[in-house]
Protein backbone atom coordinates (compact mmCIF):
# COMPACT_ATOMS: atom_id res chain seq x y z
CA MET A 1 -17.91 -16.20 -42.79
CA ARG A 2 -14.76 -15.78 -41.04
CA ILE A 3 -15.32 -12.07 -39.73
CA PHE A 4 -18.75 -13.44 -38.50
CA ALA A 5 -16.95 -16.39 -36.56
CA MET A 6 -14.43 -14.29 -34.83
CA SER A 7 -16.65 -11.68 -33.92
CA ILE A 8 -18.44 -15.05 -32.03
CA VAL A 9 -15.41 -15.82 -30.45
CA LEU A 10 -14.54 -11.40 -29.60
CA ALA A 11 -17.38 -11.38 -28.10
CA SER A 12 -17.48 -14.42 -26.00
CA ALA A 13 -14.58 -13.59 -25.10
CA LEU A 14 -15.66 -9.91 -24.03
CA THR A 15 -18.52 -11.56 -21.41
CA LEU A 16 -16.23 -14.02 -20.18
CA THR A 17 -13.32 -11.42 -19.28
CA GLY A 18 -15.20 -8.61 -18.78
CA CYS A 19 -19.13 -9.22 -16.84
CA SER A 20 -17.62 -12.76 -15.33
CA HIS A 21 -16.05 -10.27 -12.82
CA PRO A 22 -17.79 -8.20 -11.60
CA SER A 23 -15.37 -7.34 -8.94
CA ARG A 24 -13.23 -5.26 -11.37
CA ILE A 25 -15.62 -3.96 -12.72
CA LYS A 26 -18.74 -1.84 -11.23
CA GLN A 27 -21.57 -0.50 -12.50
CA LEU A 28 -23.50 2.28 -10.43
CA SER A 29 -26.82 1.72 -10.46
CA THR A 30 -29.57 4.48 -10.96
CA GLY A 31 -30.34 5.34 -6.63
CA ASP A 32 -25.87 5.01 -6.31
CA GLN A 33 -25.30 7.65 -9.97
CA VAL A 34 -29.05 9.98 -8.39
CA GLN A 35 -27.09 9.55 -5.10
CA LEU A 36 -23.64 10.95 -6.50
CA THR A 37 -25.46 13.76 -7.79
CA ALA A 38 -27.47 14.91 -5.61
CA GLU A 39 -24.79 14.65 -2.67
CA ARG A 40 -21.55 16.38 -5.06
CA GLU A 41 -19.82 19.68 -3.33
CA THR A 42 -21.92 22.48 -3.75
CA ASP A 43 -19.50 25.27 -4.88
CA ASN A 44 -15.59 26.21 -3.56
CA ARG A 45 -16.58 29.32 -1.85
CA MET A 46 -15.36 27.41 1.72
CA SER A 47 -12.16 26.22 -0.37
CA ASP A 48 -11.70 30.43 -1.35
CA TRP A 49 -8.75 31.50 0.40
CA ASN A 50 -10.28 35.52 -0.22
CA LEU A 51 -14.12 34.36 1.02
CA THR A 52 -12.50 32.58 3.65
CA SER A 53 -10.79 35.01 5.01
CA SER A 54 -13.38 37.80 5.13
CA ASP A 55 -16.21 36.24 6.69
CA ALA A 56 -16.18 36.40 10.25
CA GLU A 57 -19.38 34.51 10.32
CA LEU A 58 -16.26 31.59 10.14
CA TYR A 59 -14.06 32.85 12.96
CA ILE A 60 -16.97 33.05 15.87
CA GLY A 61 -18.99 29.73 13.98
CA ASP A 62 -22.20 29.68 16.98
CA LEU A 63 -20.16 30.48 19.76
CA GLY A 64 -22.54 32.70 22.29
CA VAL A 65 -25.60 31.71 20.53
CA GLU A 66 -27.79 30.62 23.81
CA GLN A 67 -27.57 34.50 24.72
CA PHE A 68 -31.24 33.81 21.78
CA TYR A 69 -32.86 31.12 23.67
CA ALA A 70 -31.73 32.54 27.51
CA SER A 71 -35.26 32.50 28.82
CA THR A 72 -36.27 29.09 27.68
CA SER A 73 -33.19 28.06 28.95
CA ASN A 74 -33.65 29.13 32.41
CA HIS A 75 -36.92 27.64 32.46
CA VAL A 76 -35.09 24.13 31.42
CA LYS A 77 -32.39 25.07 33.73
CA SER A 78 -35.03 25.51 36.94
CA LEU A 79 -36.70 21.71 35.60
CA ALA A 80 -33.10 20.12 36.13
CA ALA A 81 -32.69 21.96 39.75
CA GLU A 82 -35.65 19.90 40.64
CA ASN A 83 -34.89 16.21 39.09
CA LYS A 84 -31.96 15.48 40.49
CA LYS A 85 -31.52 11.67 38.32
CA HIS A 86 -29.92 13.84 35.86
CA ALA A 87 -26.37 14.80 35.14
CA LEU A 88 -25.93 18.15 33.71
CA LEU A 89 -24.92 19.79 29.83
CA PRO A 90 -22.21 22.41 30.20
CA ASN A 91 -25.16 24.91 29.17
CA GLY A 92 -27.15 23.62 32.02
CA PHE A 93 -29.43 21.99 30.50
CA PRO A 94 -30.66 17.87 31.62
CA LEU A 95 -28.48 15.40 29.97
CA ILE A 96 -31.62 12.78 28.31
CA GLN A 97 -31.13 10.74 25.68
CA ALA A 98 -32.88 10.81 22.80
CA PHE A 99 -33.83 7.91 20.89
CA PRO A 100 -35.59 7.69 17.68
CA SER A 101 -39.36 6.94 17.59
CA PRO A 102 -40.77 4.00 17.29
CA ASP A 103 -43.59 5.42 14.88
CA ILE A 104 -40.75 5.80 12.72
CA VAL A 105 -39.77 3.37 9.93
CA PRO A 106 -35.62 3.74 8.93
CA LYS A 107 -34.76 3.78 5.49
CA LYS A 108 -32.73 0.76 4.13
CA GLY A 109 -32.83 -0.73 6.89
CA GLY A 110 -31.63 1.92 9.10
CA TYR A 111 -31.75 5.33 10.58
CA VAL A 112 -29.04 6.90 9.36
CA GLU A 113 -30.33 7.78 5.38
CA ASN A 114 -34.44 8.82 7.23
CA VAL A 115 -31.45 11.39 8.77
CA ILE A 116 -29.37 12.92 5.76
CA GLU A 117 -32.72 12.31 3.25
CA THR A 118 -33.82 15.16 5.62
CA ALA A 119 -30.62 16.78 5.95
CA LYS A 120 -30.46 17.38 1.99
CA SER A 121 -34.32 18.86 1.86
CA TYR A 122 -33.04 21.98 3.10
CA LEU A 123 -30.14 22.60 1.39
CA GLY A 124 -29.84 26.15 0.08
CA THR A 125 -31.24 27.38 3.71
CA PRO A 126 -30.19 30.62 4.94
CA TYR A 127 -28.15 30.53 7.58
CA VAL A 128 -28.31 32.80 9.99
CA TYR A 129 -26.27 33.11 13.56
CA GLY A 130 -28.42 32.76 16.27
CA SER A 131 -31.25 30.94 14.64
CA ASP A 132 -35.18 30.29 15.64
CA ARG A 133 -34.64 26.48 16.89
CA LEU A 134 -38.75 26.17 16.42
CA ASP A 135 -38.53 27.68 12.38
CA PRO A 136 -36.44 26.20 9.50
CA GLN A 137 -36.83 29.20 7.47
CA SER A 138 -33.21 29.83 8.32
CA PHE A 139 -30.39 27.87 10.49
CA ASP A 140 -27.00 28.42 12.35
CA CYS A 141 -24.92 25.24 12.13
CA SER A 142 -26.26 23.69 15.51
CA ASP A 143 -29.86 24.46 14.70
CA PHE A 144 -29.63 22.77 11.64
CA THR A 145 -27.86 19.31 13.12
CA ARG A 146 -30.72 19.46 15.57
CA TRP A 147 -33.59 20.58 13.35
CA VAL A 148 -32.48 17.43 11.25
CA TYR A 149 -32.43 15.11 13.45
CA LEU A 150 -35.82 16.10 15.48
CA THR A 151 -37.82 15.83 11.87
CA ALA A 152 -36.47 12.99 10.94
CA LEU A 153 -36.21 10.68 14.04
CA GLY A 154 -38.14 12.67 16.78
CA MET A 155 -34.51 13.40 18.41
CA ASP A 156 -34.64 16.44 20.71
CA LEU A 157 -30.71 17.31 20.59
CA PRO A 158 -28.76 19.97 22.84
CA TRP A 159 -29.75 23.63 21.00
CA ASP A 160 -26.04 24.75 19.91
CA ALA A 161 -22.36 22.69 19.07
CA LYS A 162 -20.19 22.57 22.53
CA ASN A 163 -23.50 20.56 24.19
CA GLN A 164 -24.09 18.68 21.26
CA ALA A 165 -20.59 17.82 21.78
CA ALA A 166 -21.07 17.15 24.91
CA TYR A 167 -24.08 14.99 24.58
CA VAL A 168 -22.05 12.74 21.87
CA GLU A 169 -18.65 12.78 24.57
CA ALA A 170 -21.34 11.76 27.52
CA LEU A 171 -23.44 9.12 26.15
CA SER A 172 -22.17 7.55 22.81
CA LYS A 173 -21.13 4.34 21.72
CA ARG A 174 -18.71 5.20 18.78
CA LYS A 175 -17.05 8.64 18.92
CA TYR A 176 -13.07 9.42 17.74
CA THR A 177 -10.57 12.40 17.06
CA ASP A 178 -9.94 10.76 13.84
CA LEU A 179 -11.29 12.22 10.79
CA LYS A 180 -11.35 8.91 9.15
CA GLN A 181 -12.99 7.06 11.20
CA ALA A 182 -16.65 9.28 10.78
CA LYS A 183 -19.76 7.04 8.96
CA ARG A 184 -22.13 8.32 7.61
CA GLY A 185 -24.71 9.86 9.25
CA ASP A 186 -22.03 10.92 12.60
CA LEU A 187 -21.98 13.98 14.20
CA LEU A 188 -18.68 16.12 13.75
CA PHE A 189 -17.39 19.43 15.36
CA PHE A 190 -15.30 21.94 14.54
CA THR A 191 -13.76 24.44 16.66
CA ASN A 192 -13.94 28.52 15.16
CA PHE A 193 -11.86 29.14 11.71
CA MET A 194 -8.70 30.60 12.08
CA GLY A 195 -7.20 30.03 8.73
CA ASN A 196 -6.67 27.47 6.03
CA ARG A 197 -3.38 26.48 6.66
CA PRO A 198 -2.42 23.16 8.72
CA SER A 199 -0.19 25.70 10.56
CA ASP A 200 -3.39 27.62 11.53
CA TYR A 201 -3.55 24.86 14.00
CA ALA A 202 -0.87 23.54 14.69
CA ASN A 203 0.24 23.10 18.28
CA LEU A 204 -3.21 24.46 19.64
CA ASP A 205 -4.08 22.88 23.03
CA PRO A 206 -7.62 21.89 24.17
CA SER A 207 -8.57 25.50 25.19
CA GLN A 208 -7.52 26.98 22.52
CA LYS A 209 -9.94 24.61 20.67
CA PRO A 210 -13.19 25.48 21.41
CA ILE A 211 -16.57 23.81 19.63
CA SER A 212 -17.87 26.16 17.25
CA HIS A 213 -19.25 24.54 14.74
CA MET A 214 -20.87 21.27 13.33
CA GLY A 215 -22.25 19.01 10.22
CA ILE A 216 -23.29 16.20 9.73
CA TYR A 217 -20.77 13.29 7.54
CA LEU A 218 -22.35 12.23 3.94
CA GLY A 219 -19.11 9.69 3.55
CA ASP A 220 -16.64 9.65 0.48
CA GLY A 221 -14.68 12.92 2.77
CA LYS A 222 -18.26 15.01 2.60
CA ILE A 223 -20.45 17.68 4.90
CA ILE A 224 -23.49 19.55 4.44
CA HIS A 225 -24.43 22.08 6.86
CA SER A 226 -23.82 25.33 7.42
CA ALA A 227 -21.77 27.49 7.73
CA SER A 228 -22.58 31.36 7.57
CA LYS A 229 -24.08 33.66 4.49
CA LYS A 230 -21.12 34.25 2.35
CA THR A 231 -20.88 31.07 1.58
CA GLY A 232 -24.52 30.50 1.25
CA GLY A 233 -26.06 28.28 4.22
CA VAL A 234 -26.60 24.72 4.08
CA ARG A 235 -24.18 23.56 1.54
CA ILE A 236 -22.01 20.46 1.32
CA ASP A 237 -18.59 20.14 1.40
CA HIS A 238 -15.31 17.97 1.07
CA MET A 239 -13.20 18.09 3.80
CA PHE A 240 -10.07 16.76 3.52
CA PHE A 241 -7.32 19.00 2.60
CA LYS A 242 -9.19 22.19 3.94
CA HIS A 243 -9.26 23.78 7.47
CA LEU A 244 -12.55 21.38 7.69
CA GLN A 245 -9.69 18.90 8.08
CA TYR A 246 -7.48 21.01 10.40
CA ARG A 247 -9.87 21.94 12.63
CA PHE A 248 -11.90 18.77 13.15
CA VAL A 249 -11.38 17.89 17.10
CA LEU A 250 -14.79 14.89 17.95
CA GLY A 251 -16.81 13.69 15.65
CA GLY A 252 -19.71 10.16 16.73
CA SER A 253 -22.68 8.37 16.20
CA VAL A 254 -26.21 9.35 18.38
CA LEU A 255 -27.47 6.35 16.35
CA ASP A 256 -25.58 3.58 17.59
């Protein structure tokens, strides 16, 4: 009887000290557990110094991809020239703000999760430099981000990283150069790969840091992006204390 009584007292004490203080012990919901599992880092290829140092596509990024859609670009530029109301992006495209389609229902109270869910559906999609902007069978970095926002929300963003960055600079109400300010669903922009050490990017002036890579922020220091063939196309990576952190130039929301 004494043992039984002590067991009841102990159980009551545990109930009061543990379950009555949810701030101390937080149990993850099933949805949170699934999300954490689905957003794990793909592998360590982006952290492999031997691989990254020999990956030519990391050094180039998407610089120069506009040559792959020059005919379309010239057509859009001519339309822009006829309509003087719009400012122009660096590539001559009209700077027109895009908004989510009113026919699309926000998930979990906002459009960010529409974007993230769509982005994750393309995990593993092969990388191709200058990929076809009308075909989601392969992506480079900027084609991936553009296609995600187009498919998820009907928002047609510019076609390469440099011009998506210019769009954010011109139109975003929340932009930053401190990676710690990033929020889930933001577009993040990086200069080209120059090495794995912080010193490889120290003391560079803006002209030495062209924007050539980009991705979508997931939260918790992670990004979903398409970097190169060697790293496997669309993937998830941690950024902090790695070359992606040192390469970061600009971030911002196209939804706020």
